[in-house]
N, C-alpha and C. Protein backbone atom coordinates (compact mmCIF):
# COMPACT_ATOMS: atom_id res chain seq x y z
N MET A 1 3.97 15.83 11.86
CA MET A 1 4.72 14.83 11.11
C MET A 1 4.42 13.43 11.64
N ILE A 2 4.10 12.52 10.72
CA ILE A 2 3.85 11.13 11.09
C ILE A 2 5.19 10.46 11.35
N THR A 3 5.26 9.72 12.47
CA THR A 3 6.46 8.94 12.79
C THR A 3 6.01 7.51 13.09
N MET A 4 6.95 6.64 13.39
CA MET A 4 6.61 5.23 13.66
C MET A 4 5.66 5.08 14.85
N LYS A 5 5.70 6.04 15.79
CA LYS A 5 4.78 5.92 16.93
C LYS A 5 3.31 6.09 16.50
N ASP A 6 3.09 6.69 15.32
CA ASP A 6 1.73 6.88 14.81
C ASP A 6 1.22 5.68 14.02
N ILE A 7 2.13 4.76 13.67
CA ILE A 7 1.75 3.60 12.85
C ILE A 7 1.11 2.54 13.74
N VAL A 8 -0.12 2.18 13.40
CA VAL A 8 -0.87 1.15 14.12
C VAL A 8 -0.28 -0.22 13.77
N ARG A 9 -0.09 -1.06 14.78
CA ARG A 9 0.51 -2.38 14.56
C ARG A 9 -0.56 -3.47 14.47
N GLU A 10 -0.14 -4.59 13.85
CA GLU A 10 -1.06 -5.71 13.67
C GLU A 10 -1.67 -6.10 15.01
N GLY A 11 -2.93 -6.51 14.95
CA GLY A 11 -3.66 -6.84 16.17
C GLY A 11 -4.68 -5.76 16.51
N GLU A 12 -4.44 -4.52 16.03
CA GLU A 12 -5.40 -3.43 16.26
C GLU A 12 -6.60 -3.63 15.34
N THR A 13 -7.80 -3.45 15.88
CA THR A 13 -9.02 -3.73 15.11
C THR A 13 -9.16 -2.86 13.86
N VAL A 14 -8.65 -1.63 13.88
CA VAL A 14 -8.80 -0.75 12.73
C VAL A 14 -8.19 -1.36 11.46
N LEU A 15 -7.19 -2.22 11.62
CA LEU A 15 -6.54 -2.85 10.47
C LEU A 15 -7.40 -3.95 9.86
N ARG A 16 -8.45 -4.36 10.55
CA ARG A 16 -9.34 -5.42 10.05
C ARG A 16 -10.71 -4.89 9.65
N GLU A 17 -10.88 -3.59 9.71
CA GLU A 17 -12.16 -2.97 9.33
C GLU A 17 -12.14 -2.60 7.85
N VAL A 18 -13.34 -2.57 7.25
CA VAL A 18 -13.46 -2.01 5.90
C VAL A 18 -13.59 -0.50 6.09
N ALA A 19 -12.64 0.23 5.52
CA ALA A 19 -12.60 1.68 5.69
C ALA A 19 -13.76 2.35 4.94
N LYS A 20 -14.17 3.50 5.46
CA LYS A 20 -15.29 4.24 4.87
C LYS A 20 -14.82 5.11 3.72
N GLU A 21 -15.70 5.28 2.73
CA GLU A 21 -15.43 6.19 1.61
C GLU A 21 -15.23 7.60 2.17
N VAL A 22 -14.37 8.35 1.52
CA VAL A 22 -14.18 9.75 1.87
C VAL A 22 -15.24 10.55 1.10
N GLN A 23 -16.03 11.34 1.81
CA GLN A 23 -17.00 12.20 1.15
C GLN A 23 -16.24 13.27 0.37
N LEU A 24 -16.58 13.42 -0.90
CA LEU A 24 -15.89 14.42 -1.72
C LEU A 24 -16.75 15.66 -1.86
N PRO A 25 -16.20 16.86 -1.80
CA PRO A 25 -14.77 17.08 -1.59
C PRO A 25 -14.37 16.74 -0.15
N PRO A 26 -13.12 16.29 0.03
CA PRO A 26 -12.66 15.95 1.38
C PRO A 26 -12.51 17.20 2.24
N SER A 27 -12.54 16.98 3.54
CA SER A 27 -12.35 18.10 4.47
C SER A 27 -10.88 18.54 4.41
N GLU A 28 -10.61 19.73 4.94
CA GLU A 28 -9.22 20.21 5.01
C GLU A 28 -8.38 19.24 5.84
N GLU A 29 -8.98 18.71 6.91
CA GLU A 29 -8.26 17.76 7.76
C GLU A 29 -7.89 16.50 6.98
N GLU A 30 -8.82 15.99 6.16
CA GLU A 30 -8.53 14.79 5.37
C GLU A 30 -7.43 15.07 4.35
N LYS A 31 -7.47 16.24 3.72
CA LYS A 31 -6.42 16.61 2.76
C LYS A 31 -5.07 16.68 3.46
N GLN A 32 -5.06 17.26 4.66
CA GLN A 32 -3.82 17.39 5.43
C GLN A 32 -3.27 16.02 5.82
N ILE A 33 -4.15 15.13 6.26
CA ILE A 33 -3.72 13.78 6.66
C ILE A 33 -3.09 13.07 5.47
N LEU A 34 -3.73 13.16 4.30
CA LEU A 34 -3.20 12.49 3.11
C LEU A 34 -1.84 13.07 2.73
N ALA A 35 -1.70 14.37 2.82
CA ALA A 35 -0.41 15.02 2.52
C ALA A 35 0.66 14.53 3.50
N GLU A 36 0.30 14.40 4.78
CA GLU A 36 1.26 13.93 5.79
C GLU A 36 1.65 12.47 5.56
N MET A 37 0.70 11.66 5.07
CA MET A 37 1.00 10.26 4.76
C MET A 37 2.06 10.19 3.66
N LEU A 38 1.90 11.00 2.63
CA LEU A 38 2.86 11.03 1.54
C LEU A 38 4.21 11.55 2.02
N THR A 39 4.19 12.56 2.88
CA THR A 39 5.43 13.10 3.44
C THR A 39 6.16 12.04 4.26
N TYR A 40 5.41 11.22 5.02
CA TYR A 40 6.06 10.14 5.78
C TYR A 40 6.88 9.26 4.84
N LEU A 41 6.25 8.85 3.71
CA LEU A 41 6.94 7.94 2.79
C LEU A 41 8.20 8.58 2.23
N LYS A 42 8.10 9.85 1.84
CA LYS A 42 9.28 10.55 1.32
C LYS A 42 10.36 10.64 2.39
N ASN A 43 9.98 11.01 3.60
CA ASN A 43 10.94 11.12 4.70
C ASN A 43 11.57 9.76 5.02
N SER A 44 10.75 8.69 4.98
CA SER A 44 11.25 7.36 5.34
C SER A 44 12.29 6.85 4.36
N GLN A 45 12.29 7.42 3.14
CA GLN A 45 13.25 7.00 2.11
C GLN A 45 14.47 7.93 2.05
N ASP A 46 14.45 8.97 2.86
CA ASP A 46 15.59 9.90 2.95
C ASP A 46 16.45 9.44 4.13
N GLU A 47 17.66 8.97 3.83
CA GLU A 47 18.51 8.37 4.87
C GLU A 47 18.68 9.25 6.10
N GLU A 48 18.97 10.52 5.89
CA GLU A 48 19.21 11.43 7.02
C GLU A 48 17.96 11.61 7.87
N ILE A 49 16.84 11.92 7.22
CA ILE A 49 15.59 12.15 7.95
C ILE A 49 15.14 10.87 8.65
N ALA A 50 15.22 9.74 7.93
CA ALA A 50 14.80 8.46 8.50
C ALA A 50 15.59 8.12 9.75
N LYS A 51 16.90 8.37 9.70
CA LYS A 51 17.75 8.08 10.85
C LYS A 51 17.42 9.01 12.02
N LYS A 52 17.28 10.30 11.70
CA LYS A 52 17.00 11.30 12.73
C LYS A 52 15.71 10.99 13.49
N TYR A 53 14.66 10.58 12.77
CA TYR A 53 13.35 10.34 13.39
C TYR A 53 13.03 8.86 13.58
N ASN A 54 14.01 7.98 13.29
CA ASN A 54 13.84 6.54 13.46
C ASN A 54 12.63 6.02 12.67
N LEU A 55 12.61 6.35 11.38
CA LEU A 55 11.52 5.94 10.51
C LEU A 55 11.89 4.68 9.74
N ARG A 56 10.95 3.72 9.70
CA ARG A 56 11.14 2.55 8.85
C ARG A 56 10.75 2.92 7.43
N ALA A 57 11.58 2.54 6.47
CA ALA A 57 11.30 2.87 5.07
C ALA A 57 10.03 2.18 4.60
N GLY A 58 9.22 2.94 3.88
CA GLY A 58 8.00 2.40 3.32
C GLY A 58 7.77 2.95 1.94
N VAL A 59 7.03 2.19 1.13
CA VAL A 59 6.67 2.65 -0.22
C VAL A 59 5.19 2.97 -0.32
N GLY A 60 4.42 2.54 0.68
CA GLY A 60 2.99 2.81 0.69
C GLY A 60 2.47 2.89 2.11
N LEU A 61 1.38 3.65 2.26
CA LEU A 61 0.75 3.81 3.57
C LEU A 61 -0.74 4.03 3.36
N ALA A 62 -1.54 3.30 4.11
CA ALA A 62 -2.99 3.44 4.04
C ALA A 62 -3.48 4.08 5.34
N ALA A 63 -4.53 4.89 5.24
CA ALA A 63 -5.04 5.60 6.43
C ALA A 63 -5.32 4.68 7.63
N PRO A 64 -5.86 3.46 7.44
CA PRO A 64 -6.06 2.60 8.61
C PRO A 64 -4.77 2.33 9.38
N GLN A 65 -3.63 2.40 8.70
CA GLN A 65 -2.35 2.16 9.37
C GLN A 65 -1.96 3.28 10.32
N ILE A 66 -2.65 4.41 10.24
CA ILE A 66 -2.43 5.47 11.23
C ILE A 66 -3.70 5.67 12.05
N GLY A 67 -4.54 4.61 12.08
CA GLY A 67 -5.71 4.60 12.94
C GLY A 67 -6.92 5.33 12.40
N ILE A 68 -6.92 5.62 11.10
CA ILE A 68 -8.03 6.37 10.49
C ILE A 68 -8.72 5.46 9.48
N SER A 69 -9.95 5.08 9.77
CA SER A 69 -10.68 4.13 8.93
C SER A 69 -11.37 4.85 7.77
N LYS A 70 -10.54 5.39 6.87
CA LYS A 70 -11.04 6.09 5.67
C LYS A 70 -10.25 5.61 4.47
N ARG A 71 -10.88 5.66 3.30
CA ARG A 71 -10.29 5.13 2.08
C ARG A 71 -9.31 6.14 1.45
N MET A 72 -8.12 6.18 2.06
CA MET A 72 -7.05 7.05 1.59
C MET A 72 -5.74 6.26 1.61
N ILE A 73 -4.97 6.38 0.52
CA ILE A 73 -3.65 5.75 0.49
C ILE A 73 -2.63 6.73 -0.07
N ALA A 74 -1.37 6.51 0.29
CA ALA A 74 -0.26 7.24 -0.29
C ALA A 74 0.77 6.22 -0.76
N VAL A 75 1.39 6.50 -1.89
CA VAL A 75 2.48 5.65 -2.39
C VAL A 75 3.59 6.56 -2.90
N HIS A 76 4.82 6.10 -2.70
CA HIS A 76 5.98 6.86 -3.17
C HIS A 76 7.11 5.86 -3.39
N PHE A 77 7.41 5.57 -4.67
CA PHE A 77 8.44 4.57 -4.98
C PHE A 77 8.82 4.65 -6.45
N GLU A 78 9.89 3.93 -6.79
CA GLU A 78 10.29 3.72 -8.18
C GLU A 78 10.15 2.24 -8.45
N ASP A 79 9.61 1.89 -9.63
CA ASP A 79 9.51 0.47 -9.97
C ASP A 79 10.87 -0.02 -10.49
N PHE A 80 10.92 -1.26 -10.95
CA PHE A 80 12.19 -1.85 -11.37
C PHE A 80 12.70 -1.27 -12.69
N ASN A 81 11.87 -0.44 -13.33
CA ASN A 81 12.30 0.23 -14.57
C ASN A 81 12.54 1.72 -14.33
N ASP A 82 12.73 2.09 -13.07
CA ASP A 82 13.00 3.48 -12.66
C ASP A 82 11.84 4.44 -12.93
N LYS A 83 10.63 3.91 -13.08
CA LYS A 83 9.47 4.79 -13.23
C LYS A 83 9.02 5.20 -11.83
N LYS A 84 8.82 6.52 -11.66
CA LYS A 84 8.44 7.04 -10.34
C LYS A 84 6.93 7.06 -10.17
N TYR A 85 6.49 6.71 -8.97
CA TYR A 85 5.08 6.78 -8.58
C TYR A 85 5.02 7.56 -7.28
N SER A 86 4.26 8.61 -7.25
CA SER A 86 4.11 9.40 -6.03
C SER A 86 2.70 9.97 -6.02
N TYR A 87 1.84 9.36 -5.21
CA TYR A 87 0.43 9.73 -5.20
C TYR A 87 -0.14 9.73 -3.79
N GLY A 88 -1.05 10.65 -3.56
CA GLY A 88 -1.95 10.60 -2.42
C GLY A 88 -3.32 10.45 -3.04
N LEU A 89 -4.04 9.39 -2.68
CA LEU A 89 -5.31 9.09 -3.36
C LEU A 89 -6.48 8.94 -2.39
N PHE A 90 -7.61 9.47 -2.81
CA PHE A 90 -8.87 9.29 -2.11
C PHE A 90 -9.69 8.24 -2.85
N ASN A 91 -10.31 7.34 -2.09
CA ASN A 91 -11.25 6.33 -2.61
C ASN A 91 -10.71 5.52 -3.80
N PRO A 92 -9.49 4.99 -3.69
CA PRO A 92 -8.98 4.19 -4.81
C PRO A 92 -9.71 2.86 -4.89
N LYS A 93 -9.96 2.42 -6.11
CA LYS A 93 -10.55 1.08 -6.26
C LYS A 93 -10.03 0.43 -7.52
N ILE A 94 -9.88 -0.88 -7.44
CA ILE A 94 -9.44 -1.66 -8.59
C ILE A 94 -10.68 -1.88 -9.46
N VAL A 95 -10.59 -1.44 -10.73
CA VAL A 95 -11.74 -1.58 -11.63
C VAL A 95 -11.57 -2.73 -12.61
N SER A 96 -10.33 -3.19 -12.80
CA SER A 96 -10.10 -4.39 -13.61
C SER A 96 -8.74 -4.97 -13.24
N HIS A 97 -8.58 -6.25 -13.56
CA HIS A 97 -7.30 -6.91 -13.27
C HIS A 97 -7.09 -8.07 -14.24
N SER A 98 -5.83 -8.46 -14.35
CA SER A 98 -5.46 -9.58 -15.22
C SER A 98 -5.81 -10.90 -14.56
N VAL A 99 -5.84 -11.95 -15.37
CA VAL A 99 -5.96 -13.30 -14.84
C VAL A 99 -4.59 -13.72 -14.31
N ALA A 100 -3.55 -13.32 -15.02
CA ALA A 100 -2.18 -13.67 -14.62
C ALA A 100 -1.84 -13.05 -13.27
N LYS A 101 -1.06 -13.79 -12.51
CA LYS A 101 -0.66 -13.34 -11.18
C LYS A 101 0.84 -13.10 -11.14
N THR A 102 1.27 -12.43 -10.09
CA THR A 102 2.69 -12.19 -9.86
C THR A 102 2.93 -12.21 -8.35
N TYR A 103 4.18 -12.16 -7.95
CA TYR A 103 4.53 -12.13 -6.53
C TYR A 103 5.98 -11.67 -6.42
N LEU A 104 6.35 -11.18 -5.26
CA LEU A 104 7.74 -10.81 -4.99
C LEU A 104 8.44 -12.01 -4.39
N SER A 105 9.56 -12.43 -5.01
CA SER A 105 10.24 -13.63 -4.52
C SER A 105 10.79 -13.44 -3.11
N GLY A 106 10.99 -12.18 -2.70
CA GLY A 106 11.47 -11.92 -1.35
C GLY A 106 10.33 -11.71 -0.36
N GLY A 107 9.09 -11.89 -0.82
CA GLY A 107 7.94 -11.69 0.05
C GLY A 107 7.63 -10.21 0.21
N GLU A 108 6.61 -9.91 1.00
CA GLU A 108 6.21 -8.53 1.26
C GLU A 108 6.41 -8.20 2.73
N GLY A 109 6.48 -6.92 3.01
CA GLY A 109 6.57 -6.44 4.37
C GLY A 109 5.53 -5.36 4.55
N CYS A 110 5.43 -4.85 5.78
CA CYS A 110 4.40 -3.86 6.07
C CYS A 110 4.83 -3.05 7.28
N LEU A 111 4.60 -1.75 7.22
CA LEU A 111 4.95 -0.88 8.35
C LEU A 111 4.19 -1.26 9.62
N SER A 112 3.03 -1.89 9.45
CA SER A 112 2.23 -2.29 10.62
C SER A 112 2.61 -3.65 11.17
N VAL A 113 3.56 -4.33 10.52
CA VAL A 113 3.97 -5.68 10.94
C VAL A 113 5.45 -5.65 11.31
N ASP A 114 5.72 -5.87 12.58
CA ASP A 114 7.09 -5.79 13.10
C ASP A 114 7.82 -7.12 13.10
N ARG A 115 7.44 -8.01 12.21
CA ARG A 115 8.09 -9.33 12.16
C ARG A 115 8.21 -9.75 10.70
N GLU A 116 9.12 -10.67 10.46
CA GLU A 116 9.25 -11.25 9.13
C GLU A 116 8.12 -12.24 8.95
N VAL A 117 7.45 -12.19 7.81
CA VAL A 117 6.43 -13.19 7.49
C VAL A 117 6.84 -13.81 6.16
N PRO A 118 7.49 -14.99 6.22
CA PRO A 118 7.98 -15.60 4.99
C PRO A 118 6.83 -16.15 4.13
N GLY A 119 7.03 -16.07 2.82
CA GLY A 119 6.06 -16.67 1.90
C GLY A 119 5.76 -15.76 0.73
N TYR A 120 5.19 -16.38 -0.30
CA TYR A 120 4.82 -15.65 -1.51
C TYR A 120 3.40 -15.11 -1.35
N VAL A 121 3.22 -13.86 -1.76
CA VAL A 121 1.92 -13.20 -1.69
C VAL A 121 1.41 -13.04 -3.13
N PRO A 122 0.45 -13.88 -3.55
CA PRO A 122 -0.04 -13.77 -4.92
C PRO A 122 -0.82 -12.47 -5.13
N ARG A 123 -0.51 -11.80 -6.23
CA ARG A 123 -1.18 -10.54 -6.60
C ARG A 123 -1.50 -10.61 -8.09
N TYR A 124 -2.44 -9.77 -8.52
CA TYR A 124 -2.70 -9.67 -9.96
C TYR A 124 -1.49 -9.01 -10.62
N GLU A 125 -1.10 -9.51 -11.78
CA GLU A 125 0.05 -8.96 -12.49
C GLU A 125 -0.23 -7.56 -13.02
N LYS A 126 -1.47 -7.33 -13.46
CA LYS A 126 -1.87 -6.02 -13.98
C LYS A 126 -3.20 -5.62 -13.36
N ILE A 127 -3.30 -4.35 -13.02
CA ILE A 127 -4.56 -3.82 -12.50
C ILE A 127 -4.80 -2.43 -13.09
N THR A 128 -6.05 -2.05 -13.10
CA THR A 128 -6.42 -0.68 -13.43
C THR A 128 -7.15 -0.15 -12.21
N ILE A 129 -6.73 1.01 -11.73
CA ILE A 129 -7.43 1.61 -10.60
C ILE A 129 -7.98 2.97 -10.99
N LYS A 130 -9.05 3.32 -10.30
CA LYS A 130 -9.60 4.67 -10.41
C LYS A 130 -9.58 5.26 -9.01
N ALA A 131 -9.31 6.56 -8.92
CA ALA A 131 -9.24 7.24 -7.63
C ALA A 131 -9.31 8.74 -7.89
N PHE A 132 -9.30 9.49 -6.80
CA PHE A 132 -9.20 10.94 -6.88
C PHE A 132 -7.88 11.35 -6.26
N ASP A 133 -7.11 12.19 -6.97
CA ASP A 133 -5.82 12.62 -6.45
C ASP A 133 -6.01 13.78 -5.47
N GLN A 134 -4.91 14.32 -4.98
CA GLN A 134 -4.98 15.37 -3.96
C GLN A 134 -5.62 16.65 -4.48
N ASP A 135 -5.62 16.84 -5.79
CA ASP A 135 -6.28 18.01 -6.38
C ASP A 135 -7.71 17.70 -6.80
N LEU A 136 -8.19 16.51 -6.42
CA LEU A 136 -9.54 16.03 -6.71
C LEU A 136 -9.81 15.75 -8.18
N ASN A 137 -8.73 15.50 -8.92
CA ASN A 137 -8.89 15.04 -10.30
C ASN A 137 -9.17 13.55 -10.25
N GLU A 138 -10.15 13.10 -11.03
CA GLU A 138 -10.37 11.66 -11.11
C GLU A 138 -9.28 11.10 -12.01
N ILE A 139 -8.56 10.11 -11.51
CA ILE A 139 -7.48 9.54 -12.31
C ILE A 139 -7.70 8.05 -12.49
N LYS A 140 -7.12 7.55 -13.57
CA LYS A 140 -7.17 6.12 -13.88
C LYS A 140 -5.72 5.71 -14.13
N LEU A 141 -5.26 4.71 -13.40
CA LEU A 141 -3.89 4.23 -13.54
C LEU A 141 -3.89 2.78 -13.98
N LYS A 142 -3.14 2.49 -15.04
CA LYS A 142 -2.92 1.11 -15.47
C LYS A 142 -1.56 0.71 -14.92
N LEU A 143 -1.55 -0.29 -14.09
CA LEU A 143 -0.32 -0.67 -13.37
C LEU A 143 0.02 -2.12 -13.63
N LYS A 144 1.32 -2.41 -13.64
CA LYS A 144 1.73 -3.80 -13.78
C LYS A 144 2.95 -4.05 -12.91
N GLY A 145 3.21 -5.32 -12.66
CA GLY A 145 4.40 -5.71 -11.91
C GLY A 145 4.45 -5.12 -10.51
N TYR A 146 5.61 -4.57 -10.17
CA TYR A 146 5.84 -4.07 -8.82
C TYR A 146 4.83 -2.98 -8.43
N ALA A 147 4.54 -2.07 -9.36
CA ALA A 147 3.58 -1.00 -9.07
C ALA A 147 2.21 -1.59 -8.73
N ALA A 148 1.78 -2.59 -9.49
CA ALA A 148 0.49 -3.24 -9.22
C ALA A 148 0.49 -3.88 -7.84
N ILE A 149 1.62 -4.48 -7.47
CA ILE A 149 1.72 -5.13 -6.15
C ILE A 149 1.58 -4.10 -5.03
N VAL A 150 2.30 -2.98 -5.14
CA VAL A 150 2.26 -1.95 -4.10
C VAL A 150 0.83 -1.42 -3.93
N PHE A 151 0.18 -1.08 -5.03
CA PHE A 151 -1.18 -0.54 -4.94
C PHE A 151 -2.16 -1.57 -4.38
N GLN A 152 -2.02 -2.85 -4.77
CA GLN A 152 -2.91 -3.88 -4.22
C GLN A 152 -2.71 -4.03 -2.71
N HIS A 153 -1.46 -3.97 -2.27
CA HIS A 153 -1.16 -4.08 -0.83
C HIS A 153 -1.87 -2.97 -0.07
N GLU A 154 -1.78 -1.73 -0.56
CA GLU A 154 -2.41 -0.60 0.14
C GLU A 154 -3.93 -0.65 0.07
N ILE A 155 -4.48 -1.00 -1.09
CA ILE A 155 -5.94 -1.09 -1.21
C ILE A 155 -6.47 -2.22 -0.32
N ASP A 156 -5.71 -3.30 -0.18
CA ASP A 156 -6.10 -4.36 0.76
C ASP A 156 -6.31 -3.80 2.16
N HIS A 157 -5.43 -2.90 2.60
CA HIS A 157 -5.58 -2.30 3.94
C HIS A 157 -6.94 -1.61 4.09
N LEU A 158 -7.45 -1.05 3.01
CA LEU A 158 -8.75 -0.37 3.07
C LEU A 158 -9.90 -1.35 3.23
N ASN A 159 -9.61 -2.62 2.95
CA ASN A 159 -10.62 -3.67 3.06
C ASN A 159 -10.38 -4.60 4.24
N GLY A 160 -9.49 -4.20 5.13
CA GLY A 160 -9.22 -5.00 6.33
C GLY A 160 -8.40 -6.25 6.07
N VAL A 161 -7.66 -6.27 4.97
CA VAL A 161 -6.89 -7.44 4.58
C VAL A 161 -5.39 -7.15 4.76
N MET A 162 -4.70 -8.08 5.41
CA MET A 162 -3.25 -7.97 5.61
C MET A 162 -2.56 -8.82 4.54
N PHE A 163 -1.34 -8.45 4.17
CA PHE A 163 -0.65 -9.16 3.09
C PHE A 163 -0.52 -10.65 3.37
N TYR A 164 -0.30 -11.02 4.64
CA TYR A 164 -0.07 -12.43 4.95
C TYR A 164 -1.34 -13.27 4.88
N ASP A 165 -2.50 -12.61 4.76
CA ASP A 165 -3.75 -13.36 4.55
C ASP A 165 -3.72 -14.09 3.21
N HIS A 166 -2.92 -13.62 2.27
CA HIS A 166 -2.84 -14.22 0.93
C HIS A 166 -1.84 -15.37 0.85
N ILE A 167 -0.96 -15.50 1.84
CA ILE A 167 0.09 -16.53 1.80
C ILE A 167 -0.52 -17.90 2.05
N HIS A 168 -0.12 -18.87 1.23
CA HIS A 168 -0.60 -20.26 1.37
C HIS A 168 -0.25 -20.76 2.78
N GLN A 169 -1.28 -21.18 3.52
CA GLN A 169 -1.07 -21.55 4.93
C GLN A 169 -0.19 -22.78 5.12
N ASP A 170 -0.38 -23.80 4.30
CA ASP A 170 0.36 -25.05 4.49
C ASP A 170 1.77 -24.98 3.91
N ASN A 171 1.92 -24.30 2.78
CA ASN A 171 3.23 -24.18 2.15
C ASN A 171 3.40 -22.75 1.67
N PRO A 172 4.00 -21.89 2.54
CA PRO A 172 4.11 -20.46 2.22
C PRO A 172 4.87 -20.15 0.92
N PHE A 173 5.70 -21.10 0.46
CA PHE A 173 6.47 -20.85 -0.75
C PHE A 173 5.91 -21.58 -1.97
N THR A 174 4.61 -21.89 -1.92
CA THR A 174 3.93 -22.43 -3.09
C THR A 174 3.86 -21.31 -4.12
N ILE A 175 4.34 -21.60 -5.32
CA ILE A 175 4.25 -20.59 -6.38
C ILE A 175 2.79 -20.52 -6.80
N PRO A 176 2.20 -19.31 -6.70
CA PRO A 176 0.78 -19.19 -7.04
C PRO A 176 0.50 -19.64 -8.47
N GLU A 177 -0.66 -20.27 -8.67
CA GLU A 177 -1.05 -20.74 -9.99
C GLU A 177 -1.08 -19.56 -10.96
N ASN A 178 -0.59 -19.82 -12.17
CA ASN A 178 -0.64 -18.80 -13.24
C ASN A 178 0.17 -17.55 -12.86
N ALA A 179 1.29 -17.76 -12.13
CA ALA A 179 2.06 -16.60 -11.64
C ALA A 179 3.54 -16.68 -12.03
N THR A 180 4.12 -15.50 -12.20
CA THR A 180 5.57 -15.38 -12.40
C THR A 180 6.10 -14.39 -11.38
N ALA A 181 7.33 -14.60 -10.96
CA ALA A 181 7.94 -13.68 -9.99
C ALA A 181 8.10 -12.32 -10.64
N CYS A 182 7.75 -11.29 -9.92
CA CYS A 182 7.81 -9.91 -10.42
C CYS A 182 9.25 -9.45 -10.57
N ASP A 183 10.11 -9.89 -9.68
CA ASP A 183 11.48 -9.38 -9.63
C ASP A 183 12.49 -10.33 -10.26
N ALA A 184 11.97 -11.26 -11.07
CA ALA A 184 12.87 -12.25 -11.70
C ALA A 184 13.58 -11.64 -12.90
């Protein structure tokens, strides 16, 4: 079981590396790791389990965050319209995106970052991703709003990018050009 002690914190080089593609079909170990990543997210959102194991709640987790430089992400959340997303994905990539941008007015957080980082994180309002799910089906997801933000945050981890890299350095609360708040 993945716990907070397994989560790599900012400053570790693995978080700044471009993760390697997973050779398909993935190994049994890679499948197991991805399943455990998804289980962490589910456990972290269960009050009893989270309290028992001292887990910080998360909606997404990328393999580099547990020290594994491979292109694997897990997400488990509901968007603002109560639509559920629960995926373990191999080799996800953004294949198209909108010109319009969005951001969370409360900013973003990260399991690998143990501090508040104030500021708006500009993201594409809509994205289309392609990936392979845990059963090795090639899937295509069209995402918008909060779901698009979560997936972009996790895919950024696969490219060595942290959410705060996107925040305007001089004025963290600059509203990104061509953007609307996602949670407005």
